[in-house]
Amino acid sequence: MSSAAPKTTQRTPFKRWCDENTGLFFLIPWILGFLIFKAYPFASSLFYSFTDLNFFKGISQYGIMNYVEIFTSRKTLSVLLTTVKYAFITVPLKLVFALFIAYILNFKIKFVNLFRTVYYIPSILGGSVAIAVLWRALFKDTGVVNTILGFFGIAGPDWLADKTWALFVICLLRVWQFGSAMVLFLAALKGVPADLYEAATIDGASKTKQFFSITVPMITPVIFYNLVTQIAQAFQEFNGPYIITQAARAMPLRLSPCWFTTTPSSPTRWAWRVRWPGSCSSPLLC
């Protein structure tokens, strides 16, 4: 007696397409996030850069007048040079300091997890408006820093009014936020094989020799990744410089994102320039 053949369920073309493209459904959240938070802001900022927009009266003019103003202004070159100087100072210092702290925290010491958390906290808080306001309160003319210097008979400078000292204050805030780079360096250090250090120790290599001959070459990809991301972030810095220096009596220090988005209306006040709405949402315009 022959057994009945199993029934085969015929699948519709739509179900077959779903089976073959299941991965697309998992990509939908990312696609929506990209379109809403990346593509749309980029396209809108690019469009508005060719307009003269007033948020209450609407668009009054179309054209390339904004770009003409940027490329013909004498201040643009000065602002770009200041931005390059800011990146040249902060990026190496931040990477060196992050690698140094990560190298120390890679050893087995007491309360190492606590130290890792404490060192990472500034990276979370550093980009907030509250920290920038706190930084401005610390370094203003009658701030905490000058008050402490006054106890020792030292007349503190006007940190935020002088361009040189203002650049120092902003760079200090940026270097203080080394936590994210430190975490990446720490993960890379954990991946270096211990056998290499043991062989080097047997050969009589010092700790310094091991660091430059083993550690640095092994974590070079992470160093390069941190370098690229930190340079990109430095050229897009906005919150800290704008908030910290906007209350200065002299003309505040300008980085390119601040200059392309704002214009000085008086020696002590910065006003939003509605002709450049959202320009810093696009790194190509900053």
C-alpha atoms as a PDB file:
ATOM      1  CA  MET A   1       0.000   0.000   0.000  1.00  0.00           C
ATOM      2  CA  SER A   2       1.622   3.221  -1.132  1.00  0.00           C
ATOM      3  CA  SER A   3       1.690   6.209   1.193  1.00  0.00           C
ATOM      4  CA  ALA A   4       0.084   9.437   0.064  1.00  0.00           C
ATOM      5  CA  ALA A   5       2.477  12.102  -1.192  1.00  0.00           C
ATOM      6  CA  PRO A   6       2.873  15.067   1.171  1.00  0.00           C
ATOM      7  CA  LYS A   7       0.918  18.107   0.235  1.00  0.00           C
ATOM      8  CA  THR A   8       3.004  21.058  -0.853  1.00  0.00           C
ATOM      9  CA  THR A   9       1.774  24.529   0.018  1.00  0.00           C
ATOM     10  CA  GLN A  10       2.154  26.882  -2.878  1.00  0.00           C
ATOM     11  CA  ARG A  11       3.549  30.238  -1.711  1.00  0.00           C
ATOM     12  CA  THR A  12       2.425  33.463  -3.264  1.00  0.00           C
ATOM     13  CA  PRO A  13       4.953  35.709  -5.047  1.00  0.00           C
ATOM     14  CA  PHE A  14       4.719  38.230  -2.189  1.00  0.00           C
ATOM     15  CA  LYS A  15       5.619  35.603   0.436  1.00  0.00           C
ATOM     16  CA  ARG A  16       8.512  34.381  -1.682  1.00  0.00           C
ATOM     17  CA  TRP A  17       9.755  37.969  -1.991  1.00  0.00           C
ATOM     18  CA  CYS A  18       9.506  38.387   1.780  1.00  0.00           C
ATOM     19  CA  ASP A  19      11.519  35.205   2.338  1.00  0.00           C
ATOM     20  CA  GLU A  20      14.230  36.344  -0.043  1.00  0.00           C
ATOM     21  CA  ASN A  21      14.456  39.899   1.366  1.00  0.00           C
ATOM     22  CA  THR A  22      13.972  39.377   5.091  1.00  0.00           C
ATOM     23  CA  GLY A  23      17.048  41.467   5.826  1.00  0.00           C
ATOM     24  CA  LEU A  24      15.389  44.568   4.397  1.00  0.00           C
ATOM     25  CA  PHE A  25      12.846  44.555   7.210  1.00  0.00           C
ATOM     26  CA  PHE A  26      15.654  44.721   9.761  1.00  0.00           C
ATOM     27  CA  LEU A  27      17.105  47.700   7.894  1.00  0.00           C
ATOM     28  CA  ILE A  28      13.886  49.736   8.022  1.00  0.00           C
ATOM     29  CA  PRO A  29      14.681  51.439  11.392  1.00  0.00           C
ATOM     30  CA  TRP A  30      18.109  52.483  10.125  1.00  0.00           C
ATOM     31  CA  ILE A  31      16.716  53.676   6.786  1.00  0.00           C
ATOM     32  CA  LEU A  32      14.058  55.774   8.525  1.00  0.00           C
ATOM     33  CA  GLY A  33      16.638  57.229  10.906  1.00  0.00           C
ATOM     34  CA  PHE A  34      18.962  58.066   8.027  1.00  0.00           C
ATOM     35  CA  LEU A  35      16.234  59.763   5.999  1.00  0.00           C
ATOM     36  CA  ILE A  36      14.821  61.749   8.928  1.00  0.00           C
ATOM     37  CA  PHE A  37      17.963  62.697  10.853  1.00  0.00           C
ATOM     38  CA  LYS A  38      20.617  62.738   8.098  1.00  0.00           C
ATOM     39  CA  ALA A  39      19.285  63.083   4.564  1.00  0.00           C
ATOM     40  CA  TYR A  40      16.523  65.608   5.286  1.00  0.00           C
ATOM     41  CA  PRO A  41      18.656  67.968   7.450  1.00  0.00           C
ATOM     42  CA  PHE A  42      21.458  67.835   4.891  1.00  0.00           C
ATOM     43  CA  ALA A  43      19.136  68.578   1.970  1.00  0.00           C
ATOM     44  CA  SER A  44      17.294  71.337   3.817  1.00  0.00           C
ATOM     45  CA  SER A  45      20.494  73.033   5.013  1.00  0.00           C
ATOM     46  CA  LEU A  46      21.869  72.910   1.479  1.00  0.00           C
ATOM     47  CA  PHE A  47      18.666  74.429   0.119  1.00  0.00           C
ATOM     48  CA  TYR A  48      18.453  77.184   2.744  1.00  0.00           C
ATOM     49  CA  SER A  49      22.088  78.128   2.130  1.00  0.00           C
ATOM     50  CA  PHE A  50      20.941  79.488  -1.251  1.00  0.00           C
ATOM     51  CA  THR A  51      18.218  81.655   0.302  1.00  0.00           C
ATOM     52  CA  ASP A  52      17.761  84.713   2.504  1.00  0.00           C
ATOM     53  CA  LEU A  53      15.322  83.333   5.057  1.00  0.00           C
ATOM     54  CA  ASN A  54      13.504  85.143   7.826  1.00  0.00           C
ATOM     55  CA  PHE A  55      11.663  82.727  10.091  1.00  0.00           C
ATOM     56  CA  PHE A  56       8.743  85.146  10.426  1.00  0.00           C
ATOM     57  CA  LYS A  57       8.589  86.633   6.917  1.00  0.00           C
ATOM     58  CA  GLY A  58       9.749  83.638   4.916  1.00  0.00           C
ATOM     59  CA  ILE A  59      12.244  83.522   2.057  1.00  0.00           C
ATOM     60  CA  SER A  60      12.886  86.908   0.485  1.00  0.00           C
ATOM     61  CA  GLN A  61      15.737  86.091  -1.885  1.00  0.00           C
ATOM     62  CA  TYR A  62      17.283  83.164  -3.742  1.00  0.00           C
ATOM     63  CA  GLY A  63      20.818  82.933  -5.057  1.00  0.00           C
ATOM     64  CA  ILE A  64      24.465  82.448  -4.161  1.00  0.00           C
ATOM     65  CA  MET A  65      24.778  85.688  -2.129  1.00  0.00           C
ATOM     66  CA  ASN A  66      25.656  83.774   1.044  1.00  0.00           C
ATOM     67  CA  TYR A  67      28.555  81.989  -0.634  1.00  0.00           C
ATOM     68  CA  VAL A  68      29.730  85.238  -2.230  1.00  0.00           C
ATOM     69  CA  GLU A  69      29.758  86.868   1.193  1.00  0.00           C
ATOM     70  CA  ILE A  70      31.778  84.033   2.694  1.00  0.00           C
ATOM     71  CA  PHE A  71      34.405  83.879  -0.024  1.00  0.00           C
ATOM     72  CA  THR A  72      34.787  87.664  -0.227  1.00  0.00           C
ATOM     73  CA  SER A  73      34.872  88.394   3.511  1.00  0.00           C
ATOM     74  CA  ARG A  74      38.270  89.118   5.031  1.00  0.00           C
ATOM     75  CA  LYS A  75      37.233  87.426   8.253  1.00  0.00           C
ATOM     76  CA  THR A  76      36.679  84.032   6.640  1.00  0.00           C
ATOM     77  CA  LEU A  77      40.386  83.263   6.284  1.00  0.00           C
ATOM     78  CA  SER A  78      41.049  84.301   9.882  1.00  0.00           C
ATOM     79  CA  VAL A  79      38.225  82.092  11.107  1.00  0.00           C
ATOM     80  CA  LEU A  80      39.447  79.088   9.111  1.00  0.00           C
ATOM     81  CA  LEU A  81      42.999  79.551  10.418  1.00  0.00           C
ATOM     82  CA  THR A  82      41.677  79.691  13.977  1.00  0.00           C
ATOM     83  CA  THR A  83      39.712  76.491  13.375  1.00  0.00           C
ATOM     84  CA  VAL A  84      42.791  74.734  11.973  1.00  0.00           C
ATOM     85  CA  LYS A  85      44.818  75.904  14.968  1.00  0.00           C
ATOM     86  CA  TYR A  86      42.101  74.632  17.311  1.00  0.00           C
ATOM     87  CA  ALA A  87      42.094  71.208  15.639  1.00  0.00           C
ATOM     88  CA  PHE A  88      45.902  71.073  15.502  1.00  0.00           C
ATOM     89  CA  ILE A  89      46.110  71.707  19.259  1.00  0.00           C
ATOM     90  CA  THR A  90      43.215  69.651  20.581  1.00  0.00           C
ATOM     91  CA  VAL A  91      43.390  66.477  18.485  1.00  0.00           C
ATOM     92  CA  PRO A  92      47.009  65.444  19.311  1.00  0.00           C
ATOM     93  CA  LEU A  93      46.657  66.392  22.984  1.00  0.00           C
ATOM     94  CA  LYS A  94      43.384  64.518  23.317  1.00  0.00           C
ATOM     95  CA  LEU A  95      44.711  61.368  21.634  1.00  0.00           C
ATOM     96  CA  VAL A  96      47.966  61.343  23.602  1.00  0.00           C
ATOM     97  CA  PHE A  97      46.181  61.898  26.908  1.00  0.00           C
ATOM     98  CA  ALA A  98      43.522  59.278  26.100  1.00  0.00           C
ATOM     99  CA  LEU A  99      46.157  56.698  25.149  1.00  0.00           C
ATOM    100  CA  PHE A 100      48.187  57.451  28.285  1.00  0.00           C
ATOM    101  CA  ILE A 101      45.191  56.992  30.598  1.00  0.00           C
ATOM    102  CA  ALA A 102      44.047  53.871  28.722  1.00  0.00           C
ATOM    103  CA  TYR A 103      47.526  52.366  29.027  1.00  0.00           C
ATOM    104  CA  ILE A 104      47.496  52.916  32.789  1.00  0.00           C
ATOM    105  CA  LEU A 105      43.967  51.563  33.208  1.00  0.00           C
ATOM    106  CA  ASN A 106      44.945  48.450  31.264  1.00  0.00           C
ATOM    107  CA  PHE A 107      46.984  47.255  34.242  1.00  0.00           C
ATOM    108  CA  LYS A 108      45.385  45.288  37.053  1.00  0.00           C
ATOM    109  CA  ILE A 109      44.994  47.918  39.751  1.00  0.00           C
ATOM    110  CA  LYS A 110      42.472  48.375  42.528  1.00  0.00           C
ATOM    111  CA  PHE A 111      39.191  50.117  41.686  1.00  0.00           C
ATOM    112  CA  VAL A 112      40.088  50.098  37.989  1.00  0.00           C
ATOM    113  CA  ASN A 113      36.415  49.943  36.955  1.00  0.00           C
ATOM    114  CA  LEU A 114      35.674  53.019  39.065  1.00  0.00           C
ATOM    115  CA  PHE A 115      38.523  54.931  37.461  1.00  0.00           C
ATOM    116  CA  ARG A 116      37.331  53.964  33.982  1.00  0.00           C
ATOM    117  CA  THR A 117      33.861  55.294  34.762  1.00  0.00           C
ATOM    118  CA  VAL A 118      35.160  58.519  36.256  1.00  0.00           C
ATOM    119  CA  TYR A 119      37.397  59.211  33.277  1.00  0.00           C
ATOM    120  CA  TYR A 120      34.593  58.469  30.814  1.00  0.00           C
ATOM    121  CA  ILE A 121      32.012  60.791  32.428  1.00  0.00           C
ATOM    122  CA  PRO A 122      33.476  64.029  30.934  1.00  0.00           C
ATOM    123  CA  SER A 123      33.029  62.576  27.449  1.00  0.00           C
ATOM    124  CA  ILE A 124      29.290  62.249  28.143  1.00  0.00           C
ATOM    125  CA  LEU A 125      28.808  65.626  29.807  1.00  0.00           C
ATOM    126  CA  GLY A 126      31.375  67.709  27.921  1.00  0.00           C
ATOM    127  CA  GLY A 127      29.246  68.438  24.861  1.00  0.00           C
ATOM    128  CA  SER A 128      26.218  69.634  26.822  1.00  0.00           C
ATOM    129  CA  VAL A 129      25.148  73.244  27.123  1.00  0.00           C
ATOM    130  CA  ALA A 130      25.249  73.026  30.930  1.00  0.00           C
ATOM    131  CA  ILE A 131      28.965  72.146  30.947  1.00  0.00           C
ATOM    132  CA  ALA A 132      29.717  75.003  28.548  1.00  0.00           C
ATOM    133  CA  VAL A 133      27.867  77.421  30.841  1.00  0.00           C
ATOM    134  CA  LEU A 134      29.780  76.027  33.824  1.00  0.00           C
ATOM    135  CA  TRP A 135      33.067  76.432  31.944  1.00  0.00           C
ATOM    136  CA  ARG A 136      32.191  80.050  31.197  1.00  0.00           C
ATOM    137  CA  ALA A 137      31.422  80.669  34.867  1.00  0.00           C
ATOM    138  CA  LEU A 138      34.770  79.164  35.883  1.00  0.00           C
ATOM    139  CA  PHE A 139      36.849  81.285  33.516  1.00  0.00           C
ATOM    140  CA  LYS A 140      35.011  84.603  33.426  1.00  0.00           C
ATOM    141  CA  ASP A 141      36.696  87.726  34.778  1.00  0.00           C
ATOM    142  CA  THR A 142      35.291  87.231  38.285  1.00  0.00           C
ATOM    143  CA  GLY A 143      35.082  83.449  38.033  1.00  0.00           C
ATOM    144  CA  VAL A 144      36.389  80.678  40.225  1.00  0.00           C
ATOM    145  CA  VAL A 145      39.753  80.384  38.458  1.00  0.00           C
ATOM    146  CA  ASN A 146      40.639  84.058  38.895  1.00  0.00           C
ATOM    147  CA  THR A 147      39.364  83.961  42.473  1.00  0.00           C
ATOM    148  CA  ILE A 148      41.730  81.096  43.304  1.00  0.00           C
ATOM    149  CA  LEU A 149      44.614  82.872  41.593  1.00  0.00           C
ATOM    150  CA  GLY A 150      43.791  85.986  43.606  1.00  0.00           C
ATOM    151  CA  PHE A 151      44.391  84.096  46.861  1.00  0.00           C
ATOM    152  CA  PHE A 152      48.008  83.616  45.765  1.00  0.00           C
ATOM    153  CA  GLY A 153      48.415  87.239  44.722  1.00  0.00           C
ATOM    154  CA  ILE A 154      48.206  86.478  40.985  1.00  0.00           C
ATOM    155  CA  ALA A 155      46.112  88.716  38.789  1.00  0.00           C
ATOM    156  CA  GLY A 156      44.297  86.357  36.470  1.00  0.00           C
ATOM    157  CA  PRO A 157      43.811  87.334  32.826  1.00  0.00           C
ATOM    158  CA  ASP A 158      40.499  88.053  31.189  1.00  0.00           C
ATOM    159  CA  TRP A 159      40.244  84.521  29.868  1.00  0.00           C
ATOM    160  CA  LEU A 160      37.277  84.956  27.566  1.00  0.00           C
ATOM    161  CA  ALA A 161      37.985  88.435  26.194  1.00  0.00           C
ATOM    162  CA  ASP A 162      41.517  87.765  24.989  1.00  0.00           C
ATOM    163  CA  LYS A 163      41.629  85.590  21.866  1.00  0.00           C
ATOM    164  CA  THR A 164      44.731  83.701  22.944  1.00  0.00           C
ATOM    165  CA  TRP A 165      43.371  82.785  26.353  1.00  0.00           C
ATOM    166  CA  ALA A 166      39.905  82.077  24.923  1.00  0.00           C
ATOM    167  CA  LEU A 167      41.446  79.549  22.543  1.00  0.00           C
ATOM    168  CA  PHE A 168      43.245  77.968  25.505  1.00  0.00           C
ATOM    169  CA  VAL A 169      39.992  77.686  27.492  1.00  0.00           C
ATOM    170  CA  ILE A 170      38.112  76.092  24.591  1.00  0.00           C
ATOM    171  CA  CYS A 171      40.976  73.690  23.857  1.00  0.00           C
ATOM    172  CA  LEU A 172      41.084  72.704  27.528  1.00  0.00           C
ATOM    173  CA  LEU A 173      37.386  71.857  27.437  1.00  0.00           C
ATOM    174  CA  ARG A 174      37.892  69.742  24.332  1.00  0.00           C
ATOM    175  CA  VAL A 175      40.885  67.825  25.703  1.00  0.00           C
ATOM    176  CA  TRP A 176      38.963  67.198  28.936  1.00  0.00           C
ATOM    177  CA  GLN A 177      36.475  65.132  26.906  1.00  0.00           C
ATOM    178  CA  PHE A 178      38.915  62.304  26.173  1.00  0.00           C
ATOM    179  CA  GLY A 179      36.698  59.499  27.482  1.00  0.00           C
ATOM    180  CA  SER A 180      35.381  58.156  24.168  1.00  0.00           C
ATOM    181  CA  ALA A 181      38.856  57.888  22.636  1.00  0.00           C
ATOM    182  CA  MET A 182      40.124  56.327  25.864  1.00  0.00           C
ATOM    183  CA  VAL A 183      37.517  53.556  25.724  1.00  0.00           C
ATOM    184  CA  LEU A 184      38.508  52.661  22.159  1.00  0.00           C
ATOM    185  CA  PHE A 185      42.195  52.635  23.067  1.00  0.00           C
ATOM    186  CA  LEU A 186      41.463  50.474  26.099  1.00  0.00           C
ATOM    187  CA  ALA A 187      39.586  47.940  23.982  1.00  0.00           C
ATOM    188  CA  ALA A 188      42.470  47.869  21.505  1.00  0.00           C
ATOM    189  CA  LEU A 189      45.014  47.358  24.279  1.00  0.00           C
ATOM    190  CA  LYS A 190      43.001  44.408  25.574  1.00  0.00           C
ATOM    191  CA  GLY A 191      43.382  42.790  22.164  1.00  0.00           C
ATOM    192  CA  VAL A 192      47.184  42.880  22.120  1.00  0.00           C
ATOM    193  CA  PRO A 193      48.456  39.306  22.764  1.00  0.00           C
ATOM    194  CA  ALA A 194      50.229  38.914  26.101  1.00  0.00           C
ATOM    195  CA  ASP A 195      52.706  36.500  24.483  1.00  0.00           C
ATOM    196  CA  LEU A 196      54.359  39.401  22.696  1.00  0.00           C
ATOM    197  CA  TYR A 197      55.060  41.203  25.965  1.00  0.00           C
ATOM    198  CA  GLU A 198      56.362  38.013  27.586  1.00  0.00           C
ATOM    199  CA  ALA A 199      58.750  37.380  24.695  1.00  0.00           C
ATOM    200  CA  ALA A 200      59.936  40.989  24.788  1.00  0.00           C
ATOM    201  CA  THR A 201      60.508  40.796  28.548  1.00  0.00           C
ATOM    202  CA  ILE A 202      62.606  37.653  28.118  1.00  0.00           C
ATOM    203  CA  ASP A 203      64.666  39.452  25.464  1.00  0.00           C
ATOM    204  CA  GLY A 204      65.297  42.265  27.946  1.00  0.00           C
ATOM    205  CA  ALA A 205      63.111  44.952  26.370  1.00  0.00           C
ATOM    206  CA  SER A 206      62.102  47.777  28.675  1.00  0.00           C
ATOM    207  CA  LYS A 207      58.508  48.933  29.174  1.00  0.00           C
ATOM    208  CA  THR A 208      59.148  51.947  26.963  1.00  0.00           C
ATOM    209  CA  LYS A 209      60.597  49.758  24.223  1.00  0.00           C
ATOM    210  CA  GLN A 210      57.624  47.407  24.476  1.00  0.00           C
ATOM    211  CA  PHE A 211      55.187  50.288  24.226  1.00  0.00           C
ATOM    212  CA  PHE A 212      56.654  51.756  21.033  1.00  0.00           C
ATOM    213  CA  SER A 213      57.636  48.438  19.423  1.00  0.00           C
ATOM    214  CA  ILE A 214      54.604  46.301  20.318  1.00  0.00           C
ATOM    215  CA  THR A 215      51.698  48.339  21.666  1.00  0.00           C
ATOM    216  CA  VAL A 216      51.667  51.222  19.202  1.00  0.00           C
ATOM    217  CA  PRO A 217      52.045  49.074  16.039  1.00  0.00           C
ATOM    218  CA  MET A 218      49.341  46.661  17.217  1.00  0.00           C
ATOM    219  CA  ILE A 219      46.772  49.393  17.853  1.00  0.00           C
ATOM    220  CA  THR A 220      47.597  51.515  14.793  1.00  0.00           C
ATOM    221  CA  PRO A 221      44.126  50.971  13.170  1.00  0.00           C
ATOM    222  CA  VAL A 222      42.417  52.298  16.298  1.00  0.00           C
ATOM    223  CA  ILE A 223      44.806  55.255  16.454  1.00  0.00           C
ATOM    224  CA  PHE A 224      43.981  56.102  12.850  1.00  0.00           C
ATOM    225  CA  TYR A 225      40.237  55.741  13.486  1.00  0.00           C
ATOM    226  CA  ASN A 226      40.400  58.024  16.521  1.00  0.00           C
ATOM    227  CA  LEU A 227      42.474  60.525  14.565  1.00  0.00           C
ATOM    228  CA  VAL A 228      39.959  60.761  11.718  1.00  0.00           C
ATOM    229  CA  THR A 229      36.897  61.022  13.976  1.00  0.00           C
ATOM    230  CA  GLN A 230      38.501  63.577  16.292  1.00  0.00           C
ATOM    231  CA  ILE A 231      39.551  65.796  13.375  1.00  0.00           C
ATOM    232  CA  ALA A 232      36.014  65.679  11.981  1.00  0.00           C
ATOM    233  CA  GLN A 233      34.541  66.567  15.376  1.00  0.00           C
ATOM    234  CA  ALA A 234      37.020  69.405  15.902  1.00  0.00           C
ATOM    235  CA  PHE A 235      36.031  71.063  12.629  1.00  0.00           C
ATOM    236  CA  GLN A 236      32.340  70.819  13.586  1.00  0.00           C
ATOM    237  CA  GLU A 237      32.688  72.166  17.123  1.00  0.00           C
ATOM    238  CA  PHE A 238      29.970  74.697  17.907  1.00  0.00           C
ATOM    239  CA  ASN A 239      28.375  74.541  21.385  1.00  0.00           C
ATOM    240  CA  GLY A 240      31.468  75.126  23.476  1.00  0.00           C
ATOM    241  CA  PRO A 241      33.031  78.069  21.585  1.00  0.00           C
ATOM    242  CA  TYR A 242      29.704  79.793  21.036  1.00  0.00           C
ATOM    243  CA  ILE A 243      28.385  79.543  24.587  1.00  0.00           C
ATOM    244  CA  ILE A 244      31.694  80.125  26.377  1.00  0.00           C
ATOM    245  CA  THR A 245      32.777  83.225  24.465  1.00  0.00           C
ATOM    246  CA  GLN A 246      29.441  84.929  23.778  1.00  0.00           C
ATOM    247  CA  ALA A 247      29.575  86.899  27.048  1.00  0.00           C
ATOM    248  CA  ALA A 248      33.102  88.220  26.547  1.00  0.00           C
ATOM    249  CA  ARG A 249      33.611  91.988  26.472  1.00  0.00           C
ATOM    250  CA  ALA A 250      35.955  91.830  23.485  1.00  0.00           C
ATOM    251  CA  MET A 251      35.143  90.239  20.156  1.00  0.00           C
ATOM    252  CA  PRO A 252      34.698  86.530  20.932  1.00  0.00           C
ATOM    253  CA  LEU A 253      36.829  83.808  19.452  1.00  0.00           C
ATOM    254  CA  ARG A 254      35.318  82.354  16.310  1.00  0.00           C
ATOM    255  CA  LEU A 255      35.554  78.890  14.833  1.00  0.00           C
ATOM    256  CA  SER A 256      34.233  78.209  11.351  1.00  0.00           C
ATOM    257  CA  PRO A 257      30.894  76.623  12.413  1.00  0.00           C
ATOM    258  CA  CYS A 258      30.182  79.620  14.645  1.00  0.00           C
ATOM    259  CA  TRP A 259      31.178  82.109  11.939  1.00  0.00           C
ATOM    260  CA  PHE A 260      29.107  80.424   9.232  1.00  0.00           C
ATOM    261  CA  THR A 261      26.074  80.325  11.526  1.00  0.00           C
ATOM    262  CA  THR A 262      26.328  83.571  13.494  1.00  0.00           C
ATOM    263  CA  THR A 263      27.433  87.153  13.089  1.00  0.00           C
ATOM    264  CA  PRO A 264      28.617  89.591  15.787  1.00  0.00           C
ATOM    265  CA  SER A 265      25.954  92.246  16.378  1.00  0.00           C
ATOM    266  CA  SER A 266      27.838  93.997  19.204  1.00  0.00           C
ATOM    267  CA  PRO A 267      31.061  93.530  21.210  1.00  0.00           C
ATOM    268  CA  THR A 268      29.229  91.524  23.867  1.00  0.00           C
ATOM    269  CA  ARG A 269      26.424  89.757  22.031  1.00  0.00           C
ATOM    270  CA  TRP A 270      26.081  87.244  19.249  1.00  0.00           C
ATOM    271  CA  ALA A 271      22.870  87.075  17.243  1.00  0.00           C
ATOM    272  CA  TRP A 272      21.619  84.204  15.174  1.00  0.00           C
ATOM    273  CA  ARG A 273      22.025  84.831  11.485  1.00  0.00           C
ATOM    274  CA  VAL A 274      18.786  83.641   9.920  1.00  0.00           C
ATOM    275  CA  ARG A 275      20.374  83.650   6.460  1.00  0.00           C
ATOM    276  CA  TRP A 276      22.286  80.523   7.498  1.00  0.00           C
ATOM    277  CA  PRO A 277      19.709  78.305   9.236  1.00  0.00           C
ATOM    278  CA  GLY A 278      20.964  74.871  10.159  1.00  0.00           C
ATOM    279  CA  SER A 279      24.262  75.234   8.352  1.00  0.00           C
ATOM    280  CA  CYS A 280      26.094  73.237  10.976  1.00  0.00           C
ATOM    281  CA  SER A 281      23.848  70.245  10.455  1.00  0.00           C
ATOM    282  CA  SER A 282      25.939  69.575   7.381  1.00  0.00           C
ATOM    283  CA  PRO A 283      29.698  69.093   7.761  1.00  0.00           C
ATOM    284  CA  LEU A 284      30.171  70.217   4.149  1.00  0.00           C
ATOM    285  CA  LEU A 285      28.945  73.679   5.085  1.00  0.00           C
ATOM    286  CA  CYS A 286      30.945  73.866   8.309  1.00  0.00           C
END
